[in-house]
Amino acid sequence: MGVKIVETCLRDGHQSLFATRMNTDEVLSALPELDKVGYHAIEIWGGATFDACLRFLNEDPWERLRKARKICKHTKLQMLFRGQNILGYRHYADDVVDKFVEKSIKNGIDIIRVFDALNDIRNLERAVKATKKYGGECQIALSYTTSPVHTVKYYVDLAKKVEKLGADSLCIKDMAGVLLPTTAYELISELKKAVKLPIELHSHCTGGLMEMTYQKAIEAGVDIIDCALSPLASGTSQPCTEAFNFAYQGTKYDPKLNVEMLNAAAKKMQVVRQKYIANGLLNPKVLGFNPNILIYQVPGGMLSNLISQLKQQGKEDKLDEVLKEVPHVRKDLGYPPLVTPLSQMVGTQAVMNVITGERYKMVPKEINAYLHGQYGQAPAPVNEEIRKKIIGNDKVITYRPADDLKPEFEKLKKQYKHIAKTDEDVLSLALFPEVAMKFFEQRKADKKPTRIKLKA
């Protein structure tokens, strides 16, 4: 059995390279060919696509999914789901998580990849149960990072818990592209001994070593790898699909993908790539490598965000100081993996520490909530001096944060009955109230009949 490939160009590929701006027509353009390639799955939804559809593209993300499902007859469709955060940036009540999972599967998703930024298993439980309840395939992703606590043993122990939770497969989600080839070999080897689940590897080429890392993971027995079609591969995206298909042709790892269909799809995606290079959204800088991420653990998206924040303050010369401060903030906060929303939180705190000249003089409300335990359990002990400086003697919760949230779906349904036509509309409004409201009001206005005044 060869290594299986999940195609990411229609979700993480364009999210990583040009801020998730590919519109639905572009997403659908190459889907007939991609559907005949022979992938394990096509990642097409979730992550930032939902927000981007509503916020920037004036599109209904649910409609994109339904259209994709109509075209895609042979290949499973996959999405990325942020556990109790769903696709938003806060924890949502259990009934909203349930309803979102139900509607995702009903509208066309086969595989839901669920992760939590802190790898707090409690924040995954509800999404996993819901996925199984509604007949979906559930993959749990472990956010990969390096720190004194994030050892191979740490991930093996987590994998055993994930298997007990009911996952159908396990993913190592290396969002910053910092997994080294030798570590990948050891990690995958130990995971294969510890659990019976199929194991997938997801990473990014930002640091310049991911092809080597994937190769060592394949040699260690990884079952599935995430790759992107060549026009949207490499740089801050995933390794190239066609390259791995060619590299392992005729070996026991042969993915056996249809080269003719790959080439046909790549031609269509090349048109998309050229459009975004021409309009400036695809900056050639993101197509290069930045080995410094291996030192600072800063993912590509987080790095561009830090530069943007410093530019707004006229402090671009402070970037090196901020990059050096990031690991210190991370240590103070108990070594959270730098993935949404923690990457933005840690980065903003590092910027504030450097610009004010006093560590934790200014603190974002999200960091305050984190230190109250409202995001879940930190991987390592938090610096208690820092916690006390920020939240004083306030109580820190040790239970699952969503236990404090009352059911909210029916309440939202009543609240938005004047504008929401379907449960899917209600869910859009639940996640992004202001952005979705603007979208639905525009939709309503567009459907009003135009009155023609007749001349007397």
Protein backbone atom coordinates (compact mmCIF):
# COMPACT_ATOMS: atom_id res chain seq x y z
CA MET A 1 0.00 0.00 0.00
CA GLY A 2 1.53 3.33 -1.06
CA VAL A 3 1.53 6.56 0.88
CA LYS A 4 -1.77 8.44 0.54
CA ILE A 5 -1.97 12.15 -0.28
CA VAL A 6 -4.42 14.82 0.86
CA GLU A 7 -4.53 17.77 -1.57
CA THR A 8 -4.45 21.13 0.23
CA CYS A 9 -4.32 23.70 -2.61
CA LEU A 10 -8.04 24.55 -2.27
CA ARG A 11 -7.77 25.38 1.45
CA ASP A 12 -4.40 25.66 3.17
CA GLY A 13 -2.49 26.30 -0.05
CA HIS A 14 -4.16 29.62 -0.78
CA GLN A 15 -4.64 30.39 2.94
CA SER A 16 -0.86 30.17 3.42
CA LEU A 17 0.17 31.97 0.22
CA PHE A 18 -2.41 34.70 -0.31
CA ALA A 19 -4.63 35.03 2.74
CA THR A 20 -7.43 32.66 1.65
CA ARG A 21 -8.61 34.93 -1.14
CA MET A 22 -9.39 32.29 -3.79
CA ASN A 23 -13.04 32.71 -4.73
CA THR A 24 -15.54 29.90 -5.20
CA ASP A 25 -15.35 29.88 -9.02
CA GLU A 26 -11.57 29.48 -8.78
CA VAL A 27 -11.88 26.75 -6.14
CA LEU A 28 -14.33 24.85 -8.33
CA SER A 29 -12.41 25.37 -11.59
CA ALA A 30 -9.95 22.50 -11.12
CA LEU A 31 -12.16 20.29 -8.97
CA PRO A 32 -13.41 18.00 -11.81
CA GLU A 33 -9.78 17.07 -12.54
CA LEU A 34 -8.68 16.89 -8.88
CA ASP A 35 -11.60 14.55 -8.19
CA LYS A 36 -10.09 12.03 -10.67
CA VAL A 37 -6.48 12.20 -9.39
CA GLY A 38 -6.84 9.44 -6.78
CA TYR A 39 -6.28 11.43 -3.60
CA HIS A 40 -7.12 10.15 -0.13
CA ALA A 41 -9.07 13.43 0.30
CA ILE A 42 -9.23 17.04 -0.87
CA GLU A 43 -9.07 19.69 1.85
CA ILE A 44 -11.50 22.34 0.70
CA TRP A 45 -13.21 24.00 3.67
CA GLY A 46 -12.75 25.21 7.23
CA GLY A 47 -9.73 27.05 8.58
CA ALA A 48 -9.95 30.67 7.44
CA THR A 49 -12.06 29.96 4.33
CA PHE A 50 -15.34 30.57 6.15
CA ASP A 51 -14.35 33.99 7.49
CA ALA A 52 -12.71 35.02 4.18
CA CYS A 53 -15.81 34.11 2.13
CA LEU A 54 -18.04 36.37 4.19
CA ARG A 55 -15.54 39.14 5.01
CA PHE A 56 -13.66 39.64 1.76
CA LEU A 57 -15.35 37.76 -1.08
CA ASN A 58 -19.04 38.48 -0.48
CA GLU A 59 -19.75 34.74 -0.75
CA ASP A 60 -21.70 32.22 1.29
CA PRO A 61 -19.20 29.57 2.51
CA TRP A 62 -21.98 26.98 2.79
CA GLU A 63 -22.82 27.49 -0.88
CA ARG A 64 -19.17 26.88 -1.80
CA LEU A 65 -19.28 23.56 0.03
CA ARG A 66 -22.54 22.47 -1.60
CA LYS A 67 -21.25 23.31 -5.08
CA ALA A 68 -18.00 21.44 -4.44
CA ARG A 69 -19.90 18.38 -3.25
CA LYS A 70 -21.97 18.32 -6.46
CA ILE A 71 -18.79 18.23 -8.55
CA CYS A 72 -16.72 15.91 -6.36
CA LYS A 73 -18.13 12.40 -6.82
CA HIS A 74 -15.07 10.19 -6.26
CA THR A 75 -12.99 11.85 -3.53
CA LYS A 76 -13.65 12.63 0.13
CA LEU A 77 -13.89 16.29 1.10
CA GLN A 78 -12.06 17.39 4.23
CA MET A 79 -12.24 20.44 6.50
CA LEU A 80 -10.25 21.95 9.39
CA PHE A 81 -12.19 22.57 12.61
CA ARG A 82 -10.79 24.39 15.68
CA GLY A 83 -12.44 22.23 18.34
CA GLN A 84 -14.61 24.27 20.69
CA ASN A 85 -13.67 27.40 18.69
CA ILE A 86 -15.27 25.86 15.54
CA LEU A 87 -13.96 28.29 12.87
CA GLY A 88 -14.09 31.39 15.04
CA TYR A 89 -11.87 32.86 17.74
CA ARG A 90 -13.74 32.10 20.98
CA HIS A 91 -15.28 29.04 22.59
CA TYR A 92 -18.87 28.31 21.54
CA ALA A 93 -21.55 26.42 23.44
CA ASP A 94 -21.83 22.67 22.87
CA ASP A 95 -25.12 22.94 20.97
CA VAL A 96 -23.51 25.30 18.43
CA VAL A 97 -20.58 22.90 17.99
CA ASP A 98 -23.05 20.03 17.45
CA LYS A 99 -25.12 21.97 14.93
CA PHE A 100 -22.07 23.15 13.00
CA VAL A 101 -20.72 19.61 12.71
CA GLU A 102 -24.14 18.30 11.66
CA LYS A 103 -24.54 20.92 8.93
CA SER A 104 -20.94 20.55 7.71
CA ILE A 105 -21.49 16.83 7.13
CA LYS A 106 -24.99 17.33 5.69
CA ASN A 107 -23.67 19.89 3.20
CA GLY A 108 -20.87 17.68 1.96
CA ILE A 109 -17.91 17.20 4.33
CA ASP A 110 -16.63 13.64 4.82
CA ILE A 111 -13.60 14.14 7.09
CA ILE A 112 -13.41 16.69 9.90
CA ARG A 113 -9.91 17.41 11.18
CA VAL A 114 -10.32 18.68 14.74
CA PHE A 115 -7.56 20.41 16.69
CA ASP A 116 -7.08 22.57 19.77
CA ALA A 117 -4.37 25.22 19.96
CA LEU A 118 -3.28 23.99 23.41
CA ASN A 119 -3.76 20.26 22.69
CA ASP A 120 -6.29 20.31 25.55
CA ILE A 121 -8.25 17.11 24.89
CA ARG A 122 -11.28 18.50 26.74
CA ASN A 123 -11.67 21.15 24.03
CA LEU A 124 -11.93 18.42 21.37
CA GLU A 125 -14.43 16.09 23.02
CA ARG A 126 -17.67 17.68 21.81
CA ALA A 127 -16.58 18.04 18.18
CA VAL A 128 -15.38 14.43 18.10
CA LYS A 129 -18.65 13.11 19.54
CA ALA A 130 -20.70 15.20 17.13
CA THR A 131 -18.67 14.05 14.11
CA LYS A 132 -19.21 10.42 15.02
CA LYS A 133 -22.90 11.03 15.80
CA TYR A 134 -23.60 12.48 12.36
CA GLY A 135 -21.65 9.85 10.45
CA GLY A 136 -18.51 11.80 9.65
CA GLU A 137 -14.92 10.61 9.76
CA CYS A 138 -13.06 12.28 12.62
CA GLN A 139 -9.36 13.02 12.49
CA ILE A 140 -7.76 14.56 15.57
CA ALA A 141 -4.76 16.78 14.89
CA LEU A 142 -2.08 17.40 17.50
CA SER A 143 -0.53 20.87 17.24
CA TYR A 144 3.21 20.24 16.88
CA THR A 145 5.80 22.50 18.44
CA THR A 146 9.11 22.22 20.27
CA SER A 147 9.79 23.14 23.89
CA PRO A 148 11.14 21.41 27.02
CA VAL A 149 7.69 19.77 27.47
CA HIS A 150 6.87 18.96 23.84
CA THR A 151 8.86 15.74 23.60
CA VAL A 152 8.20 12.62 21.51
CA LYS A 153 6.81 11.03 24.69
CA TYR A 154 4.39 13.98 25.14
CA TYR A 155 2.92 13.38 21.66
CA VAL A 156 2.80 9.60 22.07
CA ASP A 157 0.90 9.97 25.36
CA LEU A 158 -1.51 12.43 23.68
CA ALA A 159 -2.01 10.02 20.75
CA LYS A 160 -3.09 7.26 23.12
CA LYS A 161 -5.71 9.60 24.64
CA VAL A 162 -6.87 10.60 21.15
CA GLU A 163 -7.35 6.96 20.19
CA LYS A 164 -9.47 6.38 23.31
CA LEU A 165 -11.53 9.47 22.50
CA GLY A 166 -12.70 7.79 19.29
CA ALA A 167 -10.65 9.37 16.52
CA ASP A 168 -10.61 7.56 13.16
CA SER A 169 -7.13 8.89 12.36
CA LEU A 170 -4.39 11.04 13.85
CA CYS A 171 -2.61 14.03 12.31
CA ILE A 172 0.63 15.68 13.38
CA LYS A 173 -0.11 19.32 12.54
CA ASP A 174 3.21 21.13 12.18
CA MET A 175 1.79 24.57 11.48
CA ALA A 176 5.14 26.39 11.69
CA GLY A 177 7.18 23.90 9.67
CA VAL A 178 9.64 23.16 12.49
CA LEU A 179 9.56 19.34 12.56
CA LEU A 180 13.11 18.15 11.81
CA PRO A 181 13.71 15.05 9.64
CA THR A 182 15.35 12.99 12.40
CA THR A 183 12.61 13.93 14.90
CA ALA A 184 9.93 13.05 12.34
CA TYR A 185 11.41 9.58 11.92
CA GLU A 186 11.51 9.01 15.69
CA LEU A 187 8.05 10.50 16.30
CA ILE A 188 6.25 8.56 13.55
CA SER A 189 8.08 5.32 14.51
CA GLU A 190 6.97 5.65 18.15
CA LEU A 191 3.40 6.62 17.20
CA LYS A 192 3.11 3.56 14.93
CA LYS A 193 4.06 1.37 17.91
CA ALA A 194 1.72 3.13 20.34
CA VAL A 195 -1.55 3.43 18.37
CA LYS A 196 -3.40 1.57 15.62
CA LEU A 197 -4.73 4.74 13.98
CA PRO A 198 -3.70 5.83 10.47
CA ILE A 199 -1.21 8.69 10.87
CA GLU A 200 -1.08 11.81 8.70
CA LEU A 201 1.60 14.51 8.57
CA HIS A 202 0.78 18.16 7.85
CA SER A 203 3.47 20.81 7.59
CA HIS A 204 4.71 23.89 5.75
CA CYS A 205 7.84 24.49 3.66
CA THR A 206 8.70 27.82 5.33
CA GLY A 207 11.94 26.61 6.93
CA GLY A 208 13.23 24.93 3.78
CA LEU A 209 13.47 21.35 5.04
CA MET A 210 10.00 19.85 4.72
CA GLU A 211 10.67 17.55 1.74
CA MET A 212 13.38 15.88 3.85
CA THR A 213 11.05 15.68 6.84
CA TYR A 214 8.26 14.11 4.76
CA GLN A 215 10.72 11.58 3.33
CA LYS A 216 11.85 10.47 6.80
CA ALA A 217 8.21 10.31 7.98
CA ILE A 218 7.34 8.09 4.99
CA GLU A 219 10.27 5.81 5.76
CA ALA A 220 9.01 5.57 9.36
CA GLY A 221 5.58 4.46 8.14
CA VAL A 222 3.39 7.57 7.98
CA ASP A 223 0.18 6.67 6.14
CA ILE A 224 -0.89 10.04 4.69
CA ILE A 225 0.89 13.29 3.79
CA ASP A 226 -0.57 16.73 3.08
CA CYS A 227 0.68 18.20 -0.22
CA ALA A 228 -0.31 21.07 -2.50
CA LEU A 229 -0.55 21.09 -6.29
CA SER A 230 2.61 22.70 -7.79
CA PRO A 231 1.23 26.21 -8.57
CA LEU A 232 0.24 26.63 -4.90
CA ALA A 233 3.03 24.61 -3.27
CA SER A 234 6.21 25.43 -1.32
CA GLY A 235 7.12 28.66 0.48
CA THR A 236 4.65 29.05 3.33
CA SER A 237 2.45 26.33 1.78
CA GLN A 238 2.85 22.52 1.69
CA PRO A 239 5.32 20.41 -0.33
CA CYS A 240 4.50 19.73 -3.98
CA THR A 241 2.03 16.94 -4.80
CA GLU A 242 3.48 16.04 -8.20
CA ALA A 243 7.04 15.89 -6.83
CA PHE A 244 6.13 13.23 -4.26
CA ASN A 245 4.14 11.28 -6.82
CA PHE A 246 7.19 11.19 -9.14
CA ALA A 247 9.71 10.57 -6.33
CA TYR A 248 8.01 7.36 -5.21
CA GLN A 249 6.82 6.00 -8.56
CA GLY A 250 7.50 2.27 -8.79
CA THR A 251 8.38 1.95 -5.10
CA LYS A 252 6.35 0.46 -2.24
CA TYR A 253 5.40 4.04 -1.29
CA ASP A 254 3.96 4.89 -4.75
CA PRO A 255 0.90 7.18 -4.31
CA LYS A 256 -0.28 6.09 -7.79
CA LEU A 257 -1.88 9.40 -8.66
CA ASN A 258 -3.23 10.11 -12.15
CA VAL A 259 -0.51 12.27 -13.75
CA GLU A 260 -2.72 13.39 -16.64
CA MET A 261 -5.35 14.74 -14.24
CA LEU A 262 -2.67 16.34 -12.04
CA ASN A 263 -1.28 18.20 -15.06
CA ALA A 264 -4.74 19.32 -16.18
CA ALA A 265 -5.58 20.62 -12.69
CA ALA A 266 -2.16 22.31 -12.38
CA LYS A 267 -2.78 24.25 -15.62
CA LYS A 268 -5.98 25.67 -14.15
CA MET A 269 -4.33 26.50 -10.82
CA GLN A 270 -1.47 28.19 -12.69
CA VAL A 271 -4.01 30.69 -14.05
CA VAL A 272 -5.17 31.35 -10.48
CA ARG A 273 -1.58 31.76 -9.27
CA GLN A 274 -0.77 34.29 -12.01
CA LYS A 275 -3.84 36.34 -11.14
CA TYR A 276 -2.80 36.69 -7.48
CA ILE A 277 0.82 37.47 -8.34
CA ALA A 278 -0.41 40.16 -10.75
CA ASN A 279 -2.79 41.76 -8.20
CA GLY A 280 -0.12 41.71 -5.48
CA LEU A 281 -1.92 39.41 -3.03
CA LEU A 282 0.60 36.64 -3.68
CA ASN A 283 3.85 38.27 -2.58
CA PRO A 284 6.90 36.48 -4.04
CA LYS A 285 8.51 36.76 -0.56
CA VAL A 286 6.22 34.00 0.76
CA LEU A 287 7.49 31.63 -1.95
CA GLY A 288 11.00 31.68 -0.47
CA PHE A 289 12.41 30.04 2.66
CA ASN A 290 13.04 31.47 6.11
CA PRO A 291 15.19 29.11 8.21
CA ASN A 292 15.00 31.54 11.18
CA ILE A 293 11.56 30.15 11.99
CA LEU A 294 13.46 27.12 13.31
CA ILE A 295 15.04 29.38 15.93
CA TYR A 296 12.05 31.53 16.91
CA GLN A 297 9.22 29.05 16.17
CA VAL A 298 7.32 31.86 14.45
CA PRO A 299 4.99 30.63 11.64
CA GLY A 300 4.92 32.61 8.39
CA GLY A 301 1.50 34.17 9.02
CA MET A 302 2.54 35.25 12.51
CA LEU A 303 5.77 36.81 11.19
CA SER A 304 3.90 38.94 8.63
CA ASN A 305 1.48 39.97 11.40
CA LEU A 306 4.37 41.08 13.66
CA ILE A 307 5.91 43.14 10.84
CA SER A 308 2.51 44.75 10.19
CA GLN A 309 2.01 45.65 13.88
CA LEU A 310 5.48 47.20 14.11
CA LYS A 311 4.98 49.11 10.86
CA GLN A 312 1.78 50.69 12.23
CA GLN A 313 3.76 51.89 15.26
CA GLY A 314 6.69 53.08 13.16
CA LYS A 315 8.94 50.58 14.98
CA GLU A 316 10.01 48.25 12.18
CA ASP A 317 13.59 48.43 13.48
CA LYS A 318 12.43 46.53 16.60
CA LEU A 319 11.65 43.28 14.72
CA ASP A 320 14.75 41.42 15.94
CA GLU A 321 13.98 42.41 19.54
CA VAL A 322 10.38 41.21 19.16
CA LEU A 323 11.49 37.89 17.63
CA LYS A 324 13.84 37.36 20.60
CA GLU A 325 11.03 38.25 23.02
CA VAL A 326 8.56 35.72 21.53
CA PRO A 327 10.24 32.63 23.11
CA HIS A 328 10.32 34.39 26.51
CA VAL A 329 6.60 35.20 26.36
CA ARG A 330 5.90 31.64 25.27
CA LYS A 331 7.85 30.27 28.25
CA ASP A 332 5.98 32.61 30.66
CA LEU A 333 2.64 31.34 29.28
CA GLY A 334 3.52 27.64 29.65
CA TYR A 335 4.83 26.99 26.12
CA PRO A 336 1.58 27.19 24.09
CA PRO A 337 1.98 26.02 20.46
CA LEU A 338 2.02 29.02 18.13
CA VAL A 339 -1.17 28.34 16.20
CA THR A 340 -4.38 30.41 15.86
CA PRO A 341 -5.38 32.09 18.15
CA LEU A 342 -2.33 31.63 20.44
CA SER A 343 0.17 32.76 17.79
CA GLN A 344 -1.55 36.15 17.45
CA MET A 345 -1.82 36.51 21.24
CA VAL A 346 1.83 35.68 21.97
CA GLY A 347 3.02 37.87 19.08
CA THR A 348 0.97 40.89 20.19
CA GLN A 349 2.25 40.52 23.77
CA ALA A 350 5.86 40.36 22.56
CA VAL A 351 5.32 43.55 20.52
CA MET A 352 3.79 45.34 23.55
CA ASN A 353 6.63 44.21 25.82
CA VAL A 354 9.27 45.61 23.45
CA ILE A 355 7.51 48.85 22.49
CA THR A 356 6.54 49.87 26.07
CA GLY A 357 10.00 48.97 27.39
CA GLU A 358 8.40 47.12 30.33
CA ARG A 359 7.34 43.49 30.15
CA TYR A 360 3.56 43.02 30.64
CA LYS A 361 2.92 46.71 31.31
CA MET A 362 0.20 46.44 28.67
CA VAL A 363 -1.70 43.18 28.19
CA PRO A 364 -4.33 42.25 25.56
CA LYS A 365 -7.67 41.03 26.94
CA GLU A 366 -7.07 37.64 25.30
CA ILE A 367 -3.87 37.10 27.34
CA ASN A 368 -5.83 38.07 30.45
CA ALA A 369 -8.49 35.47 29.59
CA TYR A 370 -5.81 32.86 28.86
CA LEU A 371 -4.25 33.38 32.30
CA HIS A 372 -7.71 32.93 33.85
CA GLY A 373 -7.80 29.46 32.23
CA GLN A 374 -10.46 30.41 29.68
CA TYR A 375 -8.63 28.84 26.73
CA GLY A 376 -7.85 25.58 28.53
CA GLN A 377 -4.87 23.95 30.19
CA ALA A 378 -1.41 25.27 29.28
CA PRO A 379 1.06 22.52 28.25
CA ALA A 380 3.51 23.53 31.02
CA PRO A 381 3.18 25.54 34.25
CA VAL A 382 2.60 29.25 33.72
CA ASN A 383 5.01 31.77 35.29
CA GLU A 384 3.03 32.56 38.47
CA GLU A 385 4.76 35.92 39.02
CA ILE A 386 3.58 37.07 35.61
CA ARG A 387 0.10 35.66 36.19
CA LYS A 388 -0.18 37.52 39.51
CA LYS A 389 1.06 40.76 37.92
CA ILE A 390 -1.68 40.52 35.28
CA ILE A 391 -4.72 38.99 37.04
CA GLY A 392 -3.88 39.46 40.74
CA ASN A 393 -5.61 36.95 43.00
CA ASP A 394 -8.44 36.16 40.57
CA LYS A 395 -9.64 32.56 40.46
CA VAL A 396 -8.20 30.43 37.66
CA ILE A 397 -10.61 27.85 36.24
CA THR A 398 -9.36 24.27 35.95
CA TYR A 399 -12.41 22.72 34.28
CA ARG A 400 -13.34 22.64 30.58
CA PRO A 401 -13.97 26.32 29.65
CA ALA A 402 -17.11 25.51 27.60
CA ASP A 403 -18.79 24.14 30.76
CA ASP A 404 -19.55 27.78 31.62
CA LEU A 405 -21.41 28.34 28.34
CA LYS A 406 -25.19 27.93 28.22
CA PRO A 407 -26.89 26.57 25.07
CA GLU A 408 -27.11 29.41 22.55
CA PHE A 409 -28.29 28.08 19.19
CA GLU A 410 -32.07 28.46 19.71
CA LYS A 411 -31.53 31.88 21.25
CA LEU A 412 -29.50 32.95 18.20
CA LYS A 413 -32.18 31.55 15.90
CA LYS A 414 -34.80 33.80 17.51
CA GLN A 415 -32.43 36.77 17.56
CA TYR A 416 -31.72 36.52 13.83
CA LYS A 417 -35.11 35.30 12.55
CA HIS A 418 -35.58 38.52 10.52
CA ILE A 419 -32.45 37.86 8.43
CA ALA A 420 -31.48 34.16 8.74
CA LYS A 421 -33.29 31.87 6.30
CA THR A 422 -31.63 28.61 7.37
CA ASP A 423 -29.77 27.03 10.29
CA GLU A 424 -26.61 27.52 8.22
CA ASP A 425 -27.28 31.28 8.17
CA VAL A 426 -27.69 31.24 11.97
CA LEU A 427 -24.33 29.46 12.32
CA SER A 428 -22.62 32.05 10.11
CA LEU A 429 -24.06 34.78 12.32
CA ALA A 430 -23.02 32.90 15.48
CA LEU A 431 -19.38 32.80 14.39
CA PHE A 432 -19.01 36.19 12.72
CA PRO A 433 -22.01 38.33 13.76
CA GLU A 434 -21.03 41.69 12.25
CA VAL A 435 -19.46 40.34 9.07
CA ALA A 436 -22.27 37.85 8.40
CA MET A 437 -24.97 40.45 9.14
CA LYS A 438 -23.46 42.77 6.56
CA PHE A 439 -23.37 39.90 4.04
CA PHE A 440 -27.00 38.89 4.65
CA GLU A 441 -28.29 42.45 4.53
CA GLN A 442 -26.57 42.86 1.16
CA ARG A 443 -28.09 39.58 -0.01
CA LYS A 444 -31.53 40.77 1.02
CA ALA A 445 -31.06 44.11 -0.75
CA ASP A 446 -29.85 42.39 -3.93
CA LYS A 447 -33.05 40.33 -4.10
CA LYS A 448 -35.44 43.27 -3.76
CA PRO A 449 -37.28 43.87 -7.04
CA THR A 450 -36.39 47.13 -8.76
CA ARG A 451 -39.39 49.40 -9.20
CA ILE A 452 -39.65 51.08 -12.58
CA LYS A 453 -41.44 54.40 -12.57
CA LEU A 454 -43.80 54.69 -15.51
CA LYS A 455 -44.05 58.02 -17.24
CA ALA A 456 -47.48 59.60 -17.05
